[in-house]
C-alpha atoms as a PDB file:
ATOM      1  CA  UNK A   1    -153.042-155.341-268.030  1.00  0.00           C
ATOM      2  CA  UNK A   2    -154.815-152.520-266.242  1.00  0.00           C
ATOM      3  CA  UNK A   3    -154.085-148.868-266.936  1.00  0.00           C
ATOM      4  CA  UNK A   4    -155.409-145.622-265.504  1.00  0.00           C
ATOM      5  CA  UNK A   5    -157.311-143.915-268.309  1.00  0.00           C
ATOM      6  CA  UNK A   6    -158.019-140.191-268.281  1.00  0.00           C
ATOM      7  CA  UNK A   7    -161.798-140.667-268.284  1.00  0.00           C
ATOM      8  CA  UNK A   8    -161.597-142.749-265.129  1.00  0.00           C
ATOM      9  CA  UNK A   9    -159.250-140.256-263.481  1.00  0.00           C
ATOM     10  CA  UNK A  10    -161.650-137.393-264.247  1.00  0.00           C
ATOM     11  CA  UNK A  11    -164.610-139.311-262.815  1.00  0.00           C
ATOM     12  CA  UNK A  12    -162.576-140.168-259.710  1.00  0.00           C
ATOM     13  CA  UNK A  13    -161.467-136.548-259.290  1.00  0.00           C
ATOM     14  CA  UNK A  14    -164.516-134.530-260.346  1.00  0.00           C
ATOM     15  CA  UNK A  15    -167.317-137.058-259.922  1.00  0.00           C
ATOM     16  CA  UNK A  16    -168.352-137.136-263.583  1.00  0.00           C
ATOM     17  CA  UNK A  17    -167.113-137.028-267.167  1.00  0.00           C
ATOM     18  CA  UNK A  18    -165.342-133.745-267.896  1.00  0.00           C
ATOM     19  CA  UNK A  19    -164.575-132.258-271.315  1.00  0.00           C
ATOM     20  CA  UNK A  20    -161.601-130.157-272.352  1.00  0.00           C
ATOM     21  CA  UNK A  21    -162.117-126.911-274.223  1.00  0.00           C
ATOM     22  CA  UNK A  22    -159.037-126.163-276.346  1.00  0.00           C
ATOM     23  CA  UNK A  23    -158.102-122.491-276.234  1.00  0.00           C
ATOM     24  CA  UNK A  24    -155.750-120.233-278.186  1.00  0.00           C
ATOM     25  CA  UNK A  25    -154.204-117.575-275.959  1.00  0.00           C
ATOM     26  CA  UNK A  26    -152.481-115.776-278.823  1.00  0.00           C
ATOM     27  CA  UNK A  27    -149.003-117.052-278.007  1.00  0.00           C
ATOM     28  CA  UNK A  28    -146.044-117.836-280.234  1.00  0.00           C
ATOM     29  CA  UNK A  29    -142.995-120.023-279.534  1.00  0.00           C
ATOM     30  CA  UNK A  30    -139.249-119.423-279.117  1.00  0.00           C
ATOM     31  CA  UNK A  31    -138.815-121.899-281.952  1.00  0.00           C
ATOM     32  CA  UNK A  32    -140.781-119.564-284.238  1.00  0.00           C
ATOM     33  CA  UNK A  33    -140.107-115.983-283.161  1.00  0.00           C
ATOM     34  CA  UNK A  34    -136.355-116.135-283.803  1.00  0.00           C
ATOM     35  CA  UNK A  35    -135.240-116.760-280.217  1.00  0.00           C
ATOM     36  CA  UNK A  36    -134.292-120.357-281.045  1.00  0.00           C
ATOM     37  CA  UNK A  37    -135.470-120.582-284.641  1.00  0.00           C
ATOM     38  CA  UNK A  38    -138.169-119.519-287.079  1.00  0.00           C
ATOM     39  CA  UNK A  39    -139.525-122.757-288.512  1.00  0.00           C
ATOM     40  CA  UNK A  40    -140.843-124.425-285.376  1.00  0.00           C
ATOM     41  CA  UNK A  41    -140.387-128.106-284.663  1.00  0.00           C
ATOM     42  CA  UNK A  42    -140.245-130.150-287.841  1.00  0.00           C
ATOM     43  CA  UNK A  43    -143.669-131.769-287.225  1.00  0.00           C
ATOM     44  CA  UNK A  44    -145.535-128.708-285.927  1.00  0.00           C
ATOM     45  CA  UNK A  45    -148.470-127.323-287.902  1.00  0.00           C
ATOM     46  CA  UNK A  46    -149.035-123.659-288.683  1.00  0.00           C
ATOM     47  CA  UNK A  47    -151.462-123.582-285.770  1.00  0.00           C
ATOM     48  CA  UNK A  48    -148.778-124.603-283.299  1.00  0.00           C
ATOM     49  CA  UNK A  49    -150.398-128.014-282.704  1.00  0.00           C
ATOM     50  CA  UNK A  50    -153.608-126.206-281.790  1.00  0.00           C
ATOM     51  CA  UNK A  51    -155.569-127.253-284.869  1.00  0.00           C
ATOM     52  CA  UNK A  52    -158.724-127.870-282.829  1.00  0.00           C
ATOM     53  CA  UNK A  53    -158.398-124.848-280.568  1.00  0.00           C
ATOM     54  CA  UNK A  54    -160.861-121.979-280.640  1.00  0.00           C
ATOM     55  CA  UNK A  55    -160.173-118.860-282.723  1.00  0.00           C
ATOM     56  CA  UNK A  56    -157.456-116.638-281.219  1.00  0.00           C
ATOM     57  CA  UNK A  57    -159.269-113.463-282.268  1.00  0.00           C
ATOM     58  CA  UNK A  58    -161.938-114.192-279.649  1.00  0.00           C
ATOM     59  CA  UNK A  59    -161.480-113.407-275.973  1.00  0.00           C
ATOM     60  CA  UNK A  60    -160.892-116.340-273.633  1.00  0.00           C
ATOM     61  CA  UNK A  61    -164.426-115.903-272.270  1.00  0.00           C
ATOM     62  CA  UNK A  62    -165.832-116.044-275.812  1.00  0.00           C
ATOM     63  CA  UNK A  63    -163.704-119.080-276.646  1.00  0.00           C
ATOM     64  CA  UNK A  64    -164.997-120.897-273.566  1.00  0.00           C
ATOM     65  CA  UNK A  65    -168.596-120.055-274.468  1.00  0.00           C
ATOM     66  CA  UNK A  66    -168.170-121.293-278.033  1.00  0.00           C
ATOM     67  CA  UNK A  67    -166.468-124.474-276.818  1.00  0.00           C
ATOM     68  CA  UNK A  68    -169.353-125.198-274.470  1.00  0.00           C
ATOM     69  CA  UNK A  69    -171.831-124.733-277.330  1.00  0.00           C
ATOM     70  CA  UNK A  70    -169.959-127.217-279.490  1.00  0.00           C
ATOM     71  CA  UNK A  71    -169.627-129.784-276.708  1.00  0.00           C
ATOM     72  CA  UNK A  72    -173.305-129.413-275.687  1.00  0.00           C
ATOM     73  CA  UNK A  73    -174.292-131.543-278.676  1.00  0.00           C
ATOM     74  CA  UNK A  74    -172.842-134.618-276.937  1.00  0.00           C
ATOM     75  CA  UNK A  75    -172.402-133.608-273.299  1.00  0.00           C
ATOM     76  CA  UNK A  76    -174.982-132.531-270.717  1.00  0.00           C
ATOM     77  CA  UNK A  77    -172.616-131.911-267.837  1.00  0.00           C
ATOM     78  CA  UNK A  78    -171.359-128.622-266.468  1.00  0.00           C
ATOM     79  CA  UNK A  79    -167.651-129.206-265.785  1.00  0.00           C
ATOM     80  CA  UNK A  80    -164.852-128.321-268.154  1.00  0.00           C
ATOM     81  CA  UNK A  81    -161.066-128.182-268.324  1.00  0.00           C
ATOM     82  CA  UNK A  82    -159.708-125.004-269.902  1.00  0.00           C
ATOM     83  CA  UNK A  83    -156.875-126.222-272.119  1.00  0.00           C
ATOM     84  CA  UNK A  84    -154.400-123.671-273.432  1.00  0.00           C
ATOM     85  CA  UNK A  85    -153.245-125.735-276.402  1.00  0.00           C
ATOM     86  CA  UNK A  86    -151.840-123.695-279.289  1.00  0.00           C
ATOM     87  CA  UNK A  87    -148.114-122.866-279.360  1.00  0.00           C
ATOM     88  CA  UNK A  88    -146.225-122.259-276.049  1.00  0.00           C
ATOM     89  CA  UNK A  89    -148.667-121.164-273.370  1.00  0.00           C
ATOM     90  CA  UNK A  90    -146.255-119.875-270.744  1.00  0.00           C
ATOM     91  CA  UNK A  91    -144.225-117.842-273.238  1.00  0.00           C
ATOM     92  CA  UNK A  92    -145.144-114.354-272.010  1.00  0.00           C
ATOM     93  CA  UNK A  93    -144.576-112.133-268.957  1.00  0.00           C
ATOM     94  CA  UNK A  94    -146.146-113.512-265.788  1.00  0.00           C
ATOM     95  CA  UNK A  95    -148.662-110.661-265.480  1.00  0.00           C
ATOM     96  CA  UNK A  96    -149.896-111.216-269.034  1.00  0.00           C
ATOM     97  CA  UNK A  97    -150.288-114.902-268.243  1.00  0.00           C
ATOM     98  CA  UNK A  98    -152.105-114.083-265.017  1.00  0.00           C
ATOM     99  CA  UNK A  99    -154.751-112.089-266.894  1.00  0.00           C
ATOM    100  CA  UNK A 100    -155.447-114.962-269.291  1.00  0.00           C
ATOM    101  CA  UNK A 101    -155.431-117.685-266.663  1.00  0.00           C
ATOM    102  CA  UNK A 102    -157.592-115.646-264.271  1.00  0.00           C
ATOM    103  CA  UNK A 103    -160.163-115.212-267.037  1.00  0.00           C
ATOM    104  CA  UNK A 104    -160.578-118.994-267.214  1.00  0.00           C
ATOM    105  CA  UNK A 105    -160.502-119.388-263.429  1.00  0.00           C
ATOM    106  CA  UNK A 106    -163.413-116.960-263.095  1.00  0.00           C
ATOM    107  CA  UNK A 107    -165.684-119.341-265.031  1.00  0.00           C
ATOM    108  CA  UNK A 108    -167.493-121.427-262.392  1.00  0.00           C
ATOM    109  CA  UNK A 109    -167.823-124.357-264.812  1.00  0.00           C
ATOM    110  CA  UNK A 110    -164.058-124.580-265.337  1.00  0.00           C
ATOM    111  CA  UNK A 111    -162.794-127.097-262.786  1.00  0.00           C
ATOM    112  CA  UNK A 112    -159.158-127.270-263.898  1.00  0.00           C
ATOM    113  CA  UNK A 113    -156.622-125.427-266.026  1.00  0.00           C
ATOM    114  CA  UNK A 114    -154.311-127.351-268.391  1.00  0.00           C
ATOM    115  CA  UNK A 115    -151.390-125.506-269.980  1.00  0.00           C
ATOM    116  CA  UNK A 116    -149.321-126.883-272.857  1.00  0.00           C
ATOM    117  CA  UNK A 117    -145.787-125.510-272.960  1.00  0.00           C
ATOM    118  CA  UNK A 118    -142.079-126.180-273.358  1.00  0.00           C
ATOM    119  CA  UNK A 119    -139.804-127.082-270.431  1.00  0.00           C
ATOM    120  CA  UNK A 120    -137.534-124.160-271.339  1.00  0.00           C
ATOM    121  CA  UNK A 121    -140.359-121.624-270.966  1.00  0.00           C
ATOM    122  CA  UNK A 122    -141.018-121.984-267.252  1.00  0.00           C
ATOM    123  CA  UNK A 123    -139.116-119.245-265.383  1.00  0.00           C
ATOM    124  CA  UNK A 124    -139.452-119.108-261.609  1.00  0.00           C
ATOM    125  CA  UNK A 125    -142.006-116.270-261.653  1.00  0.00           C
ATOM    126  CA  UNK A 126    -144.298-118.296-263.927  1.00  0.00           C
ATOM    127  CA  UNK A 127    -144.020-121.381-261.721  1.00  0.00           C
ATOM    128  CA  UNK A 128    -144.845-119.168-258.723  1.00  0.00           C
ATOM    129  CA  UNK A 129    -147.972-117.964-260.529  1.00  0.00           C
ATOM    130  CA  UNK A 130    -149.031-121.523-261.334  1.00  0.00           C
ATOM    131  CA  UNK A 131    -148.462-122.551-257.727  1.00  0.00           C
ATOM    132  CA  UNK A 132    -150.702-119.711-256.553  1.00  0.00           C
ATOM    133  CA  UNK A 133    -153.496-120.559-259.005  1.00  0.00           C
ATOM    134  CA  UNK A 134    -153.244-124.262-258.177  1.00  0.00           C
ATOM    135  CA  UNK A 135    -154.454-123.481-254.656  1.00  0.00           C
ATOM    136  CA  UNK A 136    -157.781-122.369-256.157  1.00  0.00           C
ATOM    137  CA  UNK A 137    -158.297-124.914-258.913  1.00  0.00           C
ATOM    138  CA  UNK A 138    -156.107-127.764-260.171  1.00  0.00           C
ATOM    139  CA  UNK A 139    -153.433-126.637-262.627  1.00  0.00           C
ATOM    140  CA  UNK A 140    -151.816-129.115-264.994  1.00  0.00           C
ATOM    141  CA  UNK A 141    -148.741-128.376-267.075  1.00  0.00           C
ATOM    142  CA  UNK A 142    -148.295-130.361-270.285  1.00  0.00           C
ATOM    143  CA  UNK A 143    -144.668-130.585-271.393  1.00  0.00           C
ATOM    144  CA  UNK A 144    -143.693-131.354-274.987  1.00  0.00           C
ATOM    145  CA  UNK A 145    -140.785-133.763-274.556  1.00  0.00           C
ATOM    146  CA  UNK A 146    -141.407-136.036-277.576  1.00  0.00           C
ATOM    147  CA  UNK A 147    -138.155-138.026-277.142  1.00  0.00           C
ATOM    148  CA  UNK A 148    -135.228-138.430-274.760  1.00  0.00           C
ATOM    149  CA  UNK A 149    -132.783-139.150-277.580  1.00  0.00           C
ATOM    150  CA  UNK A 150    -130.469-136.286-278.486  1.00  0.00           C
ATOM    151  CA  UNK A 151    -130.072-137.233-282.154  1.00  0.00           C
ATOM    152  CA  UNK A 152    -133.836-137.166-282.630  1.00  0.00           C
ATOM    153  CA  UNK A 153    -134.229-133.973-280.613  1.00  0.00           C
ATOM    154  CA  UNK A 154    -131.757-132.264-282.958  1.00  0.00           C
ATOM    155  CA  UNK A 155    -133.525-133.654-286.016  1.00  0.00           C
ATOM    156  CA  UNK A 156    -136.943-132.387-284.939  1.00  0.00           C
ATOM    157  CA  UNK A 157    -135.410-129.038-283.865  1.00  0.00           C
ATOM    158  CA  UNK A 158    -136.726-129.300-280.321  1.00  0.00           C
ATOM    159  CA  UNK A 159    -134.228-126.738-279.085  1.00  0.00           C
ATOM    160  CA  UNK A 160    -133.502-127.804-275.503  1.00  0.00           C
ATOM    161  CA  UNK A 161    -131.526-130.518-273.691  1.00  0.00           C
ATOM    162  CA  UNK A 162    -133.042-133.372-271.697  1.00  0.00           C
ATOM    163  CA  UNK A 163    -131.643-131.811-268.506  1.00  0.00           C
ATOM    164  CA  UNK A 164    -133.991-128.837-269.069  1.00  0.00           C
ATOM    165  CA  UNK A 165    -136.956-131.222-268.981  1.00  0.00           C
ATOM    166  CA  UNK A 166    -135.673-132.827-265.778  1.00  0.00           C
ATOM    167  CA  UNK A 167    -135.310-129.442-264.103  1.00  0.00           C
ATOM    168  CA  UNK A 168    -138.774-128.298-265.196  1.00  0.00           C
ATOM    169  CA  UNK A 169    -140.405-131.444-263.805  1.00  0.00           C
ATOM    170  CA  UNK A 170    -138.521-131.054-260.523  1.00  0.00           C
ATOM    171  CA  UNK A 171    -139.607-127.431-260.077  1.00  0.00           C
ATOM    172  CA  UNK A 172    -143.213-128.096-261.065  1.00  0.00           C
ATOM    173  CA  UNK A 173    -143.512-131.030-258.680  1.00  0.00           C
ATOM    174  CA  UNK A 174    -141.980-128.984-255.868  1.00  0.00           C
ATOM    175  CA  UNK A 175    -144.697-126.399-256.557  1.00  0.00           C
ATOM    176  CA  UNK A 176    -147.408-129.072-256.334  1.00  0.00           C
ATOM    177  CA  UNK A 177    -148.283-128.896-260.037  1.00  0.00           C
ATOM    178  CA  UNK A 178    -149.434-131.944-261.980  1.00  0.00           C
ATOM    179  CA  UNK A 179    -147.160-132.727-264.930  1.00  0.00           C
ATOM    180  CA  UNK A 180    -148.334-134.391-268.137  1.00  0.00           C
ATOM    181  CA  UNK A 181    -145.725-135.298-270.739  1.00  0.00           C
ATOM    182  CA  UNK A 182    -146.187-135.507-274.505  1.00  0.00           C
ATOM    183  CA  UNK A 183    -144.286-138.278-276.308  1.00  0.00           C
ATOM    184  CA  UNK A 184    -144.367-138.856-280.071  1.00  0.00           C
ATOM    185  CA  UNK A 185    -144.171-142.475-281.215  1.00  0.00           C
ATOM    186  CA  UNK A 186    -142.923-143.062-284.738  1.00  0.00           C
ATOM    187  CA  UNK A 187    -140.432-140.215-285.046  1.00  0.00           C
ATOM    188  CA  UNK A 188    -138.172-140.800-288.066  1.00  0.00           C
ATOM    189  CA  UNK A 189    -135.146-143.044-287.555  1.00  0.00           C
ATOM    190  CA  UNK A 190    -136.083-144.104-284.001  1.00  0.00           C
ATOM    191  CA  UNK A 191    -136.394-147.791-283.211  1.00  0.00           C
ATOM    192  CA  UNK A 192    -139.214-149.275-281.140  1.00  0.00           C
ATOM    193  CA  UNK A 193    -136.733-149.868-278.329  1.00  0.00           C
ATOM    194  CA  UNK A 194    -135.696-146.207-278.353  1.00  0.00           C
ATOM    195  CA  UNK A 195    -139.332-145.143-278.162  1.00  0.00           C
ATOM    196  CA  UNK A 196    -139.887-147.451-275.213  1.00  0.00           C
ATOM    197  CA  UNK A 197    -136.800-145.991-273.542  1.00  0.00           C
ATOM    198  CA  UNK A 198    -138.424-142.555-273.771  1.00  0.00           C
ATOM    199  CA  UNK A 199    -141.677-143.821-272.262  1.00  0.00           C
ATOM    200  CA  UNK A 200    -139.819-145.607-269.466  1.00  0.00           C
ATOM    201  CA  UNK A 201    -137.865-142.422-268.708  1.00  0.00           C
ATOM    202  CA  UNK A 202    -141.063-140.389-268.478  1.00  0.00           C
ATOM    203  CA  UNK A 203    -142.560-142.961-266.121  1.00  0.00           C
ATOM    204  CA  UNK A 204    -139.567-142.621-263.794  1.00  0.00           C
ATOM    205  CA  UNK A 205    -139.261-138.827-264.095  1.00  0.00           C
ATOM    206  CA  UNK A 206    -142.083-137.924-261.736  1.00  0.00           C
ATOM    207  CA  UNK A 207    -144.731-137.259-264.378  1.00  0.00           C
ATOM    208  CA  UNK A 208    -148.353-137.676-263.288  1.00  0.00           C
ATOM    209  CA  UNK A 209    -149.663-138.340-266.784  1.00  0.00           C
ATOM    210  CA  UNK A 210    -148.530-139.108-270.320  1.00  0.00           C
ATOM    211  CA  UNK A 211    -149.829-138.482-273.812  1.00  0.00           C
ATOM    212  CA  UNK A 212    -148.737-141.047-276.380  1.00  0.00           C
ATOM    213  CA  UNK A 213    -149.051-139.375-279.756  1.00  0.00           C
ATOM    214  CA  UNK A 214    -148.726-141.136-283.087  1.00  0.00           C
ATOM    215  CA  UNK A 215    -146.530-139.166-285.482  1.00  0.00           C
ATOM    216  CA  UNK A 216    -148.742-137.422-288.007  1.00  0.00           C
ATOM    217  CA  UNK A 217    -147.349-135.951-291.195  1.00  0.00           C
ATOM    218  CA  UNK A 218    -149.257-132.708-291.685  1.00  0.00           C
ATOM    219  CA  UNK A 219    -149.484-130.523-294.778  1.00  0.00           C
ATOM    220  CA  UNK A 220    -147.272-127.473-294.722  1.00  0.00           C
ATOM    221  CA  UNK A 221    -144.696-128.845-292.277  1.00  0.00           C
ATOM    222  CA  UNK A 222    -141.028-129.513-292.997  1.00  0.00           C
ATOM    223  CA  UNK A 223    -141.744-133.115-292.048  1.00  0.00           C
ATOM    224  CA  UNK A 224    -144.095-133.331-295.039  1.00  0.00           C
ATOM    225  CA  UNK A 225    -141.217-132.570-297.403  1.00  0.00           C
ATOM    226  CA  UNK A 226    -139.037-135.249-295.794  1.00  0.00           C
ATOM    227  CA  UNK A 227    -141.877-137.764-296.118  1.00  0.00           C
ATOM    228  CA  UNK A 228    -142.662-136.921-299.741  1.00  0.00           C
ATOM    229  CA  UNK A 229    -138.967-137.288-300.571  1.00  0.00           C
ATOM    230  CA  UNK A 230    -139.143-140.843-299.213  1.00  0.00           C
ATOM    231  CA  UNK A 231    -136.703-140.265-296.362  1.00  0.00           C
ATOM    232  CA  UNK A 232    -138.813-142.167-293.829  1.00  0.00           C
ATOM    233  CA  UNK A 233    -142.006-144.187-293.487  1.00  0.00           C
ATOM    234  CA  UNK A 234    -144.792-143.778-290.978  1.00  0.00           C
ATOM    235  CA  UNK A 235    -145.807-146.624-288.698  1.00  0.00           C
ATOM    236  CA  UNK A 236    -148.293-149.270-289.760  1.00  0.00           C
ATOM    237  CA  UNK A 237    -151.346-149.624-287.552  1.00  0.00           C
ATOM    238  CA  UNK A 238    -150.389-153.090-286.312  1.00  0.00           C
ATOM    239  CA  UNK A 239    -146.913-152.033-285.183  1.00  0.00           C
ATOM    240  CA  UNK A 240    -148.228-148.883-283.527  1.00  0.00           C
ATOM    241  CA  UNK A 241    -150.895-150.799-281.591  1.00  0.00           C
ATOM    242  CA  UNK A 242    -148.332-153.348-280.419  1.00  0.00           C
ATOM    243  CA  UNK A 243    -145.897-150.588-279.426  1.00  0.00           C
ATOM    244  CA  UNK A 244    -148.487-148.702-277.354  1.00  0.00           C
ATOM    245  CA  UNK A 245    -149.421-151.885-275.489  1.00  0.00           C
ATOM    246  CA  UNK A 246    -145.734-152.430-274.706  1.00  0.00           C
ATOM    247  CA  UNK A 247    -145.338-148.809-273.587  1.00  0.00           C
ATOM    248  CA  UNK A 248    -148.286-148.918-271.214  1.00  0.00           C
ATOM    249  CA  UNK A 249    -146.948-152.164-269.733  1.00  0.00           C
ATOM    250  CA  UNK A 250    -143.706-150.450-268.663  1.00  0.00           C
ATOM    251  CA  UNK A 251    -145.334-147.388-267.115  1.00  0.00           C
ATOM    252  CA  UNK A 252    -146.013-147.116-263.367  1.00  0.00           C
ATOM    253  CA  UNK A 253    -149.603-148.222-262.608  1.00  0.00           C
ATOM    254  CA  UNK A 254    -150.600-144.854-261.127  1.00  0.00           C
ATOM    255  CA  UNK A 255    -149.667-142.705-264.122  1.00  0.00           C
ATOM    256  CA  UNK A 256    -152.698-141.375-265.994  1.00  0.00           C
ATOM    257  CA  UNK A 257    -152.867-142.235-269.696  1.00  0.00           C
ATOM    258  CA  UNK A 258    -154.220-139.022-271.232  1.00  0.00           C
ATOM    259  CA  UNK A 259    -153.887-140.161-274.829  1.00  0.00           C
ATOM    260  CA  UNK A 260    -153.000-143.278-276.786  1.00  0.00           C
ATOM    261  CA  UNK A 261    -153.058-142.016-280.367  1.00  0.00           C
ATOM    262  CA  UNK A 262    -154.140-138.422-281.045  1.00  0.00           C
ATOM    263  CA  UNK A 263    -156.239-136.614-283.618  1.00  0.00           C
ATOM    264  CA  UNK A 264    -154.982-135.093-286.829  1.00  0.00           C
ATOM    265  CA  UNK A 265    -156.902-132.577-288.903  1.00  0.00           C
ATOM    266  CA  UNK A 266    -158.158-134.862-291.700  1.00  0.00           C
ATOM    267  CA  UNK A 267    -158.008-132.008-294.206  1.00  0.00           C
ATOM    268  CA  UNK A 268    -154.281-131.604-293.524  1.00  0.00           C
ATOM    269  CA  UNK A 269    -153.250-135.199-292.778  1.00  0.00           C
ATOM    270  CA  UNK A 270    -150.730-136.628-295.241  1.00  0.00           C
ATOM    271  CA  UNK A 271    -149.939-139.874-293.408  1.00  0.00           C
ATOM    272  CA  UNK A 272    -150.635-142.377-292.000  1.00  0.00           C
ATOM    273  CA  UNK A 273    -154.114-142.716-293.531  1.00  0.00           C
ATOM    274  CA  UNK A 274    -155.252-145.364-291.048  1.00  0.00           C
ATOM    275  CA  UNK A 275    -154.992-142.926-288.150  1.00  0.00           C
ATOM    276  CA  UNK A 276    -158.048-141.036-289.410  1.00  0.00           C
ATOM    277  CA  UNK A 277    -160.302-143.924-288.314  1.00  0.00           C
ATOM    278  CA  UNK A 278    -159.914-143.184-284.610  1.00  0.00           C
ATOM    279  CA  UNK A 279    -162.657-145.524-283.403  1.00  0.00           C
ATOM    280  CA  UNK A 280    -161.034-148.492-285.156  1.00  0.00           C
ATOM    281  CA  UNK A 281    -157.610-147.568-283.772  1.00  0.00           C
ATOM    282  CA  UNK A 282    -158.863-147.177-280.197  1.00  0.00           C
ATOM    283  CA  UNK A 283    -160.697-150.504-280.356  1.00  0.00           C
ATOM    284  CA  UNK A 284    -157.521-152.210-281.576  1.00  0.00           C
ATOM    285  CA  UNK A 285    -155.492-150.534-278.814  1.00  0.00           C
ATOM    286  CA  UNK A 286    -157.896-151.620-276.083  1.00  0.00           C
ATOM    287  CA  UNK A 287    -157.863-155.193-277.402  1.00  0.00           C
ATOM    288  CA  UNK A 288    -154.048-155.315-277.536  1.00  0.00           C
ATOM    289  CA  UNK A 289    -153.718-153.875-274.027  1.00  0.00           C
ATOM    290  CA  UNK A 290    -156.242-156.357-272.641  1.00  0.00           C
ATOM    291  CA  UNK A 291    -154.364-159.261-274.233  1.00  0.00           C
ATOM    292  CA  UNK A 292    -151.141-158.105-272.575  1.00  0.00           C
ATOM    293  CA  UNK A 293    -152.433-159.110-269.150  1.00  0.00           C
ATOM    294  CA  UNK A 294    -153.065-162.743-270.121  1.00  0.00           C
END
């Protein structure tokens, strides 16, 4: 079974390997500032899932410079994707967003802008801004969907209906923006079939790319308390590998696979332990996917 991996897509698009620099634009989230709630999603870390982002006290220019220094140890190229990762990166007035995004656009080595956000934080004026910037350099919007199932969405405190996701994808695609969708595999109480239903839905929704993220239980989250109380178990490596192979098999061939597992901060990871050995996991995933095509 063939699949379109992110590395290949980047080489096809930009002519070489390209690295992401994870940035922190100083945002919060409606699930944390009291608009929808104060605790965030049940799985979300104190860094707003931006555990590997640069320090928010630095300017965007300084964050980019530091990211390049860190990447230079393993990368000799000169093309980067500026990735606004921490919290909800369209959750501010359009002019405030413009200033931050323009600061990344002005860096000649930044070849694309990737913005992680929520589908319910994309008002028309923000989409208009993204459409304008996309004419200069590619703009990707990464939407945290996680699941299509309402019972799970309520449990994880996602805070918006599936119809909001559908509308966001429609508007972004009309504006010519690439859409990448985050899905969490292994959410408590979901079956493998339900997870595959989510992946299938994303594949049919118009998304250009998908991130398949293994559920990590992270210190300091409400999910940690549920796990320690024995309310659910995390996935075993063998079942996760098999599930990802099944998921990729049901996706349209042109969709870009941006992620198949995900990194957790090892200092904060509670479970599953096996996920910390990323090289072993990726090798097992590639083997399982290759066997699918036989």
